[in-house]
Amino acid sequence: MLRPEPPAAVAAENVETLQYIVDALFGSLGTLAASQGTMNNFTFGNDDFQYYETICEGAEAGSGFSGANSVHTHMTNSRVTDPEILGTRFPILLEEFYIRKRSGGDGKFKGGNGVVRKIRFLKDMNAAILSSHRKFSPFGLNFVIETPGGGGYGKKEDIKTVK
């Protein structure tokens, strides 16, 4: 399907590029809006501790259903380390981890909401994140979306007010 040749960028093909491919396939069929399109690869560490995780996001909506909140989509399908385990194995404090309300795409069927994850380092650490869709939003189908939640699907119905 893809045959990138030098000097084409191929970094993060498993964790980022494949998310775009899955979104393109579903989008071309008109069955699903785009997912968040990234695995939110987060790493931190120092000489004594190293950690890597993918952070969940909102799932895309489709014809007849809204997207799930705060899950991994497409090939990620993984679980995040429990906060209690994270705090006992690493010199960190998970200060906040919650659903980011109204972050999913709008529409008749809404995209799922993403999350907020706030970590405090209790020792000096280096941290990095590899992610996409920060500059260009995931596409929706038939409406306007907001990121970083997954895109919605379908036209939003008019709301009539009764006086």
N, C-alpha and C. Protein backbone atom coordinates (compact mmCIF):
# COMPACT_ATOMS: atom_id res chain seq x y z
N MET A 1 0.82 -1.19 0.00
CA MET A 1 0.00 0.00 0.00
C MET A 1 0.87 1.25 0.00
N LEU A 2 1.89 1.28 0.84
CA LEU A 2 2.80 2.41 0.90
C LEU A 2 4.21 1.94 0.56
N ARG A 3 4.91 2.72 -0.25
CA ARG A 3 6.30 2.41 -0.56
C ARG A 3 7.13 3.68 -0.48
N PRO A 4 7.35 4.17 0.72
CA PRO A 4 8.13 5.40 0.83
C PRO A 4 9.58 5.16 0.40
N GLU A 5 10.11 6.11 -0.35
CA GLU A 5 11.49 6.03 -0.79
C GLU A 5 12.24 7.23 -0.25
N PRO A 6 13.54 7.08 -0.01
CA PRO A 6 14.32 8.21 0.50
C PRO A 6 14.14 9.42 -0.40
N PRO A 7 13.95 10.57 0.18
CA PRO A 7 14.12 10.97 1.57
C PRO A 7 12.81 11.03 2.36
N ALA A 8 11.83 10.24 2.00
CA ALA A 8 10.54 10.25 2.71
C ALA A 8 10.73 9.91 4.18
N ALA A 9 10.00 10.61 5.02
CA ALA A 9 10.08 10.37 6.47
C ALA A 9 9.34 9.08 6.81
N VAL A 10 9.97 8.21 7.57
CA VAL A 10 9.33 6.96 7.96
C VAL A 10 9.41 6.72 9.47
N ALA A 11 9.81 7.71 10.21
CA ALA A 11 9.89 7.55 11.67
C ALA A 11 8.50 7.34 12.25
N ALA A 12 8.41 6.54 13.27
CA ALA A 12 7.17 6.31 14.01
C ALA A 12 6.08 5.68 13.16
N GLU A 13 6.49 4.83 12.20
CA GLU A 13 5.48 4.24 11.32
C GLU A 13 4.47 3.40 12.07
N ASN A 14 4.89 2.67 13.07
CA ASN A 14 3.98 1.83 13.82
C ASN A 14 3.08 2.63 14.74
N VAL A 15 3.56 3.71 15.30
CA VAL A 15 2.81 4.42 16.31
C VAL A 15 2.08 5.67 15.82
N GLU A 16 2.47 6.21 14.69
CA GLU A 16 1.80 7.41 14.19
C GLU A 16 1.28 7.22 12.76
N THR A 17 2.12 6.81 11.84
CA THR A 17 1.72 6.69 10.44
C THR A 17 0.55 5.74 10.25
N LEU A 18 0.58 4.62 10.93
CA LEU A 18 -0.51 3.66 10.78
C LEU A 18 -1.86 4.21 11.26
N GLN A 19 -1.84 5.11 12.23
CA GLN A 19 -3.09 5.75 12.65
C GLN A 19 -3.71 6.53 11.49
N TYR A 20 -2.88 7.24 10.73
CA TYR A 20 -3.37 7.99 9.57
C TYR A 20 -3.91 7.05 8.49
N ILE A 21 -3.23 5.93 8.29
CA ILE A 21 -3.67 4.98 7.26
C ILE A 21 -5.05 4.42 7.60
N VAL A 22 -5.24 4.01 8.85
CA VAL A 22 -6.54 3.46 9.27
C VAL A 22 -7.63 4.53 9.11
N ASP A 23 -7.33 5.76 9.54
CA ASP A 23 -8.30 6.85 9.38
C ASP A 23 -8.63 7.08 7.90
N ALA A 24 -7.61 7.05 7.05
CA ALA A 24 -7.84 7.27 5.61
C ALA A 24 -8.72 6.17 5.02
N LEU A 25 -8.50 4.94 5.42
CA LEU A 25 -9.32 3.83 4.90
C LEU A 25 -10.77 3.96 5.33
N PHE A 26 -11.01 4.17 6.63
CA PHE A 26 -12.39 4.32 7.09
C PHE A 26 -13.03 5.58 6.51
N GLY A 27 -12.26 6.67 6.43
CA GLY A 27 -12.79 7.91 5.88
C GLY A 27 -13.17 7.78 4.42
N SER A 28 -12.35 7.07 3.64
CA SER A 28 -12.65 6.91 2.21
C SER A 28 -13.91 6.08 1.99
N LEU A 29 -14.23 5.21 2.94
CA LEU A 29 -15.46 4.43 2.86
C LEU A 29 -16.66 5.19 3.41
N GLY A 30 -16.39 6.30 4.10
CA GLY A 30 -17.46 7.11 4.67
C GLY A 30 -18.12 6.46 5.88
N THR A 31 -17.42 5.53 6.52
CA THR A 31 -18.03 4.81 7.64
C THR A 31 -17.70 5.40 9.00
N LEU A 32 -16.50 5.99 9.15
CA LEU A 32 -16.08 6.55 10.43
C LEU A 32 -15.40 7.88 10.21
N ALA A 33 -15.58 8.79 11.16
CA ALA A 33 -14.78 10.01 11.18
C ALA A 33 -13.38 9.62 11.62
N ALA A 34 -12.47 10.58 11.63
CA ALA A 34 -11.09 10.28 12.04
C ALA A 34 -11.00 10.09 13.55
N SER A 35 -10.12 9.21 13.95
CA SER A 35 -9.79 9.08 15.36
C SER A 35 -8.90 10.26 15.71
N GLN A 36 -8.40 10.27 16.92
CA GLN A 36 -7.48 11.35 17.27
C GLN A 36 -6.25 11.27 16.37
N GLY A 37 -5.96 10.10 15.85
CA GLY A 37 -4.89 9.95 14.87
C GLY A 37 -3.50 9.92 15.45
N THR A 38 -3.36 9.64 16.71
CA THR A 38 -2.05 9.59 17.34
C THR A 38 -2.12 8.63 18.52
N MET A 39 -0.97 8.12 18.90
CA MET A 39 -0.92 7.25 20.07
C MET A 39 -0.41 8.00 21.29
N ASN A 40 -0.12 9.30 21.15
CA ASN A 40 0.35 10.10 22.29
C ASN A 40 1.46 9.37 23.03
N ASN A 41 2.53 9.10 22.35
CA ASN A 41 3.67 8.37 22.91
C ASN A 41 4.41 9.27 23.89
N PHE A 42 4.42 8.86 25.15
CA PHE A 42 5.02 9.66 26.20
C PHE A 42 6.12 8.87 26.89
N THR A 43 7.29 9.47 27.01
CA THR A 43 8.40 8.81 27.69
C THR A 43 8.99 9.77 28.72
N PHE A 44 9.50 9.18 29.79
CA PHE A 44 10.28 9.97 30.74
C PHE A 44 11.31 9.07 31.39
N GLY A 45 12.33 9.68 31.93
CA GLY A 45 13.33 8.88 32.61
C GLY A 45 14.59 9.66 32.93
N ASN A 46 15.52 8.94 33.58
CA ASN A 46 16.85 9.44 33.89
C ASN A 46 17.78 8.22 33.89
N ASP A 47 18.93 8.31 34.51
CA ASP A 47 19.86 7.18 34.52
C ASP A 47 19.31 5.97 35.29
N ASP A 48 18.38 6.19 36.21
CA ASP A 48 17.86 5.11 37.05
C ASP A 48 16.48 4.60 36.67
N PHE A 49 15.66 5.43 36.03
CA PHE A 49 14.27 5.08 35.73
C PHE A 49 13.96 5.42 34.27
N GLN A 50 13.24 4.53 33.60
CA GLN A 50 12.76 4.80 32.25
C GLN A 50 11.33 4.29 32.13
N TYR A 51 10.49 5.08 31.44
CA TYR A 51 9.08 4.70 31.31
C TYR A 51 8.57 5.15 29.95
N TYR A 52 7.70 4.34 29.37
CA TYR A 52 7.07 4.64 28.08
C TYR A 52 5.61 4.23 28.15
N GLU A 53 4.74 5.10 27.66
CA GLU A 53 3.32 4.75 27.60
C GLU A 53 2.67 5.44 26.42
N THR A 54 1.53 4.93 26.03
CA THR A 54 0.67 5.63 25.09
C THR A 54 -0.54 6.09 25.89
N ILE A 55 -0.96 7.32 25.67
CA ILE A 55 -2.05 7.90 26.45
C ILE A 55 -3.33 7.85 25.61
N CYS A 56 -4.41 7.44 26.22
CA CYS A 56 -5.67 7.25 25.52
C CYS A 56 -6.26 8.56 24.99
N GLU A 57 -7.26 8.40 24.14
CA GLU A 57 -7.90 9.53 23.49
C GLU A 57 -9.37 9.23 23.27
N GLY A 58 -10.06 10.13 22.61
CA GLY A 58 -11.46 9.89 22.27
C GLY A 58 -11.56 9.11 20.97
N ALA A 59 -12.50 8.16 20.92
CA ALA A 59 -12.71 7.37 19.71
C ALA A 59 -13.62 8.12 18.74
N GLU A 60 -13.50 7.76 17.49
CA GLU A 60 -14.29 8.38 16.43
C GLU A 60 -15.75 7.91 16.47
N ALA A 61 -16.63 8.75 15.93
CA ALA A 61 -18.04 8.40 15.81
C ALA A 61 -18.29 7.81 14.43
N GLY A 62 -19.41 7.14 14.30
CA GLY A 62 -19.79 6.56 13.01
C GLY A 62 -21.28 6.69 12.81
N SER A 63 -21.75 6.11 11.75
CA SER A 63 -23.16 6.16 11.41
C SER A 63 -23.96 5.37 12.45
N GLY A 64 -24.66 6.08 13.31
CA GLY A 64 -25.51 5.44 14.30
C GLY A 64 -24.92 5.32 15.69
N PHE A 65 -23.69 5.83 15.91
CA PHE A 65 -23.12 5.73 17.25
C PHE A 65 -22.10 6.83 17.51
N SER A 66 -22.02 7.23 18.77
CA SER A 66 -21.01 8.19 19.20
C SER A 66 -19.74 7.45 19.58
N GLY A 67 -18.62 8.16 19.57
CA GLY A 67 -17.34 7.57 19.93
C GLY A 67 -17.20 7.43 21.44
N ALA A 68 -16.43 6.43 21.85
CA ALA A 68 -16.19 6.20 23.28
C ALA A 68 -15.22 7.24 23.83
N ASN A 69 -15.40 7.58 25.10
CA ASN A 69 -14.50 8.50 25.79
C ASN A 69 -13.24 7.78 26.25
N SER A 70 -12.12 8.44 26.11
CA SER A 70 -10.87 8.08 26.79
C SER A 70 -10.47 6.62 26.64
N VAL A 71 -10.32 6.18 25.40
CA VAL A 71 -9.87 4.83 25.09
C VAL A 71 -8.75 4.90 24.07
N HIS A 72 -8.07 3.80 23.86
CA HIS A 72 -7.13 3.71 22.76
C HIS A 72 -7.90 3.26 21.52
N THR A 73 -7.53 3.77 20.36
CA THR A 73 -8.22 3.40 19.13
C THR A 73 -7.26 2.73 18.16
N HIS A 74 -7.84 2.05 17.20
CA HIS A 74 -7.10 1.34 16.15
C HIS A 74 -6.10 0.37 16.75
N MET A 75 -4.86 0.45 16.36
CA MET A 75 -3.91 -0.59 16.76
C MET A 75 -3.36 -0.44 18.17
N THR A 76 -3.66 0.63 18.86
CA THR A 76 -3.08 0.77 20.20
C THR A 76 -3.65 -0.27 21.15
N ASN A 77 -4.94 -0.27 21.36
CA ASN A 77 -5.61 -1.29 22.14
C ASN A 77 -4.81 -1.76 23.35
N SER A 78 -4.32 -0.82 24.11
CA SER A 78 -3.52 -1.16 25.29
C SER A 78 -4.10 -0.49 26.52
N ARG A 79 -3.59 -0.88 27.67
CA ARG A 79 -4.05 -0.28 28.92
C ARG A 79 -2.94 0.58 29.50
N VAL A 80 -3.33 1.58 30.22
CA VAL A 80 -2.37 2.46 30.88
C VAL A 80 -2.02 1.84 32.24
N THR A 81 -0.81 2.09 32.70
CA THR A 81 -0.39 1.59 34.00
C THR A 81 -1.25 2.20 35.10
N ASP A 82 -1.71 1.38 36.02
CA ASP A 82 -2.52 1.88 37.14
C ASP A 82 -1.75 2.95 37.91
N PRO A 83 -2.42 4.02 38.33
CA PRO A 83 -1.74 5.10 39.06
C PRO A 83 -1.00 4.61 40.30
N GLU A 84 -1.58 3.64 41.03
CA GLU A 84 -0.93 3.15 42.24
C GLU A 84 0.40 2.46 41.91
N ILE A 85 0.44 1.73 40.82
CA ILE A 85 1.66 1.04 40.39
C ILE A 85 2.68 2.06 39.89
N LEU A 86 2.21 3.00 39.10
CA LEU A 86 3.08 4.04 38.55
C LEU A 86 3.81 4.79 39.66
N GLY A 87 3.06 5.17 40.70
CA GLY A 87 3.64 5.93 41.80
C GLY A 87 4.59 5.13 42.69
N THR A 88 4.44 3.79 42.72
CA THR A 88 5.35 3.00 43.55
C THR A 88 6.61 2.60 42.80
N ARG A 89 6.56 2.57 41.48
CA ARG A 89 7.73 2.16 40.70
C ARG A 89 8.60 3.31 40.21
N PHE A 90 8.02 4.49 40.17
CA PHE A 90 8.74 5.65 39.63
C PHE A 90 8.60 6.83 40.58
N PRO A 91 9.61 7.70 40.64
CA PRO A 91 9.54 8.88 41.51
C PRO A 91 8.69 9.98 40.89
N ILE A 92 7.41 9.69 40.80
CA ILE A 92 6.46 10.65 40.21
C ILE A 92 5.18 10.66 41.03
N LEU A 93 4.37 11.67 40.77
CA LEU A 93 3.04 11.75 41.34
C LEU A 93 2.07 12.05 40.20
N LEU A 94 1.11 11.16 39.99
CA LEU A 94 0.08 11.41 38.99
C LEU A 94 -0.94 12.33 39.66
N GLU A 95 -0.86 13.63 39.35
CA GLU A 95 -1.71 14.62 40.02
C GLU A 95 -3.13 14.63 39.48
N GLU A 96 -3.28 14.43 38.17
CA GLU A 96 -4.62 14.47 37.57
C GLU A 96 -4.67 13.52 36.39
N PHE A 97 -5.80 12.86 36.23
CA PHE A 97 -6.06 12.01 35.07
C PHE A 97 -7.56 11.91 34.94
N TYR A 98 -8.13 12.67 34.00
CA TYR A 98 -9.58 12.72 33.90
C TYR A 98 -10.01 12.96 32.46
N ILE A 99 -11.29 12.72 32.20
CA ILE A 99 -11.87 12.92 30.88
C ILE A 99 -11.95 14.42 30.60
N ARG A 100 -11.47 14.83 29.45
CA ARG A 100 -11.50 16.23 29.03
C ARG A 100 -12.84 16.51 28.34
N LYS A 101 -13.78 17.00 29.10
CA LYS A 101 -15.15 17.23 28.61
C LYS A 101 -15.17 18.14 27.37
N ARG A 102 -16.10 17.85 26.48
CA ARG A 102 -16.34 18.62 25.26
C ARG A 102 -15.12 18.71 24.35
N SER A 103 -14.23 17.72 24.41
CA SER A 103 -13.07 17.73 23.52
C SER A 103 -13.29 16.90 22.27
N GLY A 104 -14.35 16.08 22.25
CA GLY A 104 -14.67 15.29 21.07
C GLY A 104 -15.40 16.12 20.03
N GLY A 105 -15.41 15.63 18.81
CA GLY A 105 -16.06 16.33 17.71
C GLY A 105 -17.57 16.38 17.88
N ASP A 106 -18.15 17.45 17.34
CA ASP A 106 -19.59 17.66 17.45
C ASP A 106 -20.30 17.02 16.26
N GLY A 107 -21.55 16.78 16.40
CA GLY A 107 -22.36 16.22 15.33
C GLY A 107 -23.54 15.48 15.91
N LYS A 108 -24.34 14.92 15.04
CA LYS A 108 -25.46 14.10 15.51
C LYS A 108 -24.93 12.99 16.41
N PHE A 109 -23.84 12.37 16.00
CA PHE A 109 -23.13 11.39 16.81
C PHE A 109 -21.76 11.99 17.13
N LYS A 110 -21.50 12.21 18.39
CA LYS A 110 -20.31 12.94 18.83
C LYS A 110 -19.08 12.05 18.93
N GLY A 111 -17.93 12.66 18.68
CA GLY A 111 -16.66 11.97 18.89
C GLY A 111 -16.39 11.86 20.38
N GLY A 112 -15.70 10.81 20.78
CA GLY A 112 -15.38 10.60 22.19
C GLY A 112 -14.43 11.66 22.71
N ASN A 113 -14.46 11.89 24.01
CA ASN A 113 -13.60 12.88 24.65
C ASN A 113 -12.22 12.31 24.95
N GLY A 114 -11.22 13.19 24.88
CA GLY A 114 -9.86 12.84 25.25
C GLY A 114 -9.66 12.96 26.75
N VAL A 115 -8.41 13.05 27.19
CA VAL A 115 -8.10 13.10 28.62
C VAL A 115 -7.12 14.22 28.93
N VAL A 116 -7.01 14.52 30.21
CA VAL A 116 -5.96 15.36 30.76
C VAL A 116 -5.14 14.47 31.67
N ARG A 117 -3.84 14.48 31.51
CA ARG A 117 -2.95 13.65 32.34
C ARG A 117 -1.82 14.55 32.82
N LYS A 118 -1.78 14.79 34.12
CA LYS A 118 -0.80 15.71 34.71
C LYS A 118 0.09 14.93 35.67
N ILE A 119 1.39 14.94 35.36
CA ILE A 119 2.37 14.18 36.15
C ILE A 119 3.38 15.15 36.75
N ARG A 120 3.68 14.95 38.04
CA ARG A 120 4.72 15.73 38.72
C ARG A 120 5.92 14.81 38.93
N PHE A 121 7.09 15.26 38.47
CA PHE A 121 8.32 14.49 38.68
C PHE A 121 8.90 14.85 40.04
N LEU A 122 9.23 13.84 40.83
CA LEU A 122 9.78 14.04 42.15
C LEU A 122 11.32 13.99 42.14
N LYS A 123 11.89 13.65 41.01
CA LYS A 123 13.33 13.69 40.77
C LYS A 123 13.54 14.28 39.38
N ASP A 124 14.76 14.72 39.10
CA ASP A 124 15.05 15.24 37.77
C ASP A 124 14.83 14.15 36.72
N MET A 125 14.08 14.48 35.69
CA MET A 125 13.76 13.54 34.61
C MET A 125 13.79 14.27 33.28
N ASN A 126 14.03 13.53 32.23
CA ASN A 126 13.83 14.01 30.88
C ASN A 126 12.50 13.46 30.41
N ALA A 127 11.73 14.24 29.68
CA ALA A 127 10.44 13.79 29.18
C ALA A 127 10.31 14.17 27.72
N ALA A 128 9.58 13.36 26.97
CA ALA A 128 9.33 13.64 25.55
C ALA A 128 7.97 13.08 25.17
N ILE A 129 7.36 13.70 24.18
CA ILE A 129 6.10 13.18 23.65
C ILE A 129 6.18 13.21 22.13
N LEU A 130 5.73 12.12 21.52
CA LEU A 130 5.63 12.01 20.07
C LEU A 130 4.15 11.88 19.78
N SER A 131 3.57 12.86 19.12
CA SER A 131 2.13 12.83 18.85
C SER A 131 1.83 13.64 17.60
N SER A 132 0.63 13.49 17.11
CA SER A 132 0.17 14.16 15.89
C SER A 132 -1.13 14.89 16.15
N HIS A 133 -1.63 15.50 15.12
CA HIS A 133 -2.92 16.21 15.13
C HIS A 133 -2.96 17.34 16.14
N ARG A 134 -1.85 17.99 16.35
CA ARG A 134 -1.83 19.17 17.21
C ARG A 134 -1.99 20.43 16.35
N LYS A 135 -1.46 20.38 15.14
CA LYS A 135 -1.56 21.52 14.23
C LYS A 135 -2.75 21.36 13.28
N PHE A 136 -2.97 20.14 12.79
CA PHE A 136 -4.08 19.87 11.87
C PHE A 136 -5.04 18.90 12.53
N SER A 137 -6.28 19.32 12.66
CA SER A 137 -7.31 18.53 13.35
C SER A 137 -7.65 17.26 12.60
N PRO A 138 -8.12 16.21 13.31
CA PRO A 138 -8.64 15.02 12.64
C PRO A 138 -9.88 15.41 11.83
N PHE A 139 -10.09 14.76 10.69
CA PHE A 139 -11.26 15.10 9.89
C PHE A 139 -12.51 14.49 10.48
N GLY A 140 -13.60 15.18 10.30
CA GLY A 140 -14.91 14.66 10.67
C GLY A 140 -15.67 14.38 9.39
N LEU A 141 -16.84 13.85 9.52
CA LEU A 141 -17.68 13.62 8.36
C LEU A 141 -18.97 14.41 8.54
N ASN A 142 -19.22 15.36 7.65
CA ASN A 142 -20.46 16.12 7.59
C ASN A 142 -20.67 17.10 8.73
N PHE A 143 -19.62 17.65 9.40
CA PHE A 143 -19.76 18.64 10.47
C PHE A 143 -18.40 19.20 10.83
N VAL A 144 -18.36 20.08 11.81
CA VAL A 144 -17.12 20.68 12.29
C VAL A 144 -16.70 19.96 13.56
N ILE A 145 -15.41 19.67 13.72
CA ILE A 145 -14.95 18.95 14.90
C ILE A 145 -14.01 19.79 15.73
N GLU A 146 -13.80 19.37 16.95
CA GLU A 146 -12.81 19.95 17.84
C GLU A 146 -11.89 18.83 18.29
N THR A 147 -10.63 19.13 18.49
CA THR A 147 -9.69 18.10 18.91
C THR A 147 -9.30 18.31 20.36
N PRO A 148 -8.67 17.38 21.07
CA PRO A 148 -8.08 16.18 20.54
C PRO A 148 -8.96 14.96 20.58
N GLY A 149 -10.23 15.07 20.91
CA GLY A 149 -11.09 13.90 20.87
C GLY A 149 -11.28 13.43 19.45
N GLY A 150 -11.85 12.25 19.28
CA GLY A 150 -12.09 11.70 17.96
C GLY A 150 -13.17 12.50 17.23
N GLY A 151 -13.17 12.45 15.92
CA GLY A 151 -14.14 13.17 15.11
C GLY A 151 -15.53 12.59 15.22
N GLY A 152 -16.53 13.40 15.03
CA GLY A 152 -17.92 12.97 15.06
C GLY A 152 -18.38 12.53 13.68
N TYR A 153 -19.65 12.18 13.57
CA TYR A 153 -20.19 11.70 12.31
C TYR A 153 -21.62 12.19 12.15
N GLY A 154 -21.97 12.68 10.98
CA GLY A 154 -23.34 13.07 10.69
C GLY A 154 -23.62 14.54 10.96
N LYS A 155 -24.68 15.04 10.33
CA LYS A 155 -25.05 16.45 10.53
C LYS A 155 -25.77 16.62 11.85
N LYS A 156 -25.44 17.71 12.52
CA LYS A 156 -26.07 17.99 13.80
C LYS A 156 -27.50 18.47 13.54
N GLU A 157 -28.46 17.92 14.29
CA GLU A 157 -29.85 18.31 14.11
C GLU A 157 -30.10 19.67 14.77
N ASP A 158 -31.00 20.45 14.16
CA ASP A 158 -31.35 21.75 14.74
C ASP A 158 -32.09 21.54 16.05
N ILE A 159 -31.76 22.40 17.01
CA ILE A 159 -32.44 22.34 18.32
C ILE A 159 -33.47 23.47 18.34
N LYS A 160 -34.73 23.13 18.57
CA LYS A 160 -35.80 24.13 18.62
C LYS A 160 -36.14 24.43 20.07
N THR A 161 -36.27 25.69 20.36
CA THR A 161 -36.59 26.11 21.71
C THR A 161 -38.08 26.34 21.85
N VAL A 162 -38.67 25.82 22.93
CA VAL A 162 -40.09 26.02 23.20
C VAL A 162 -40.21 27.13 24.22
N LYS A 163 -41.02 28.15 23.89
CA LYS A 163 -41.19 29.28 24.81
C LYS A 163 -42.46 29.14 25.60
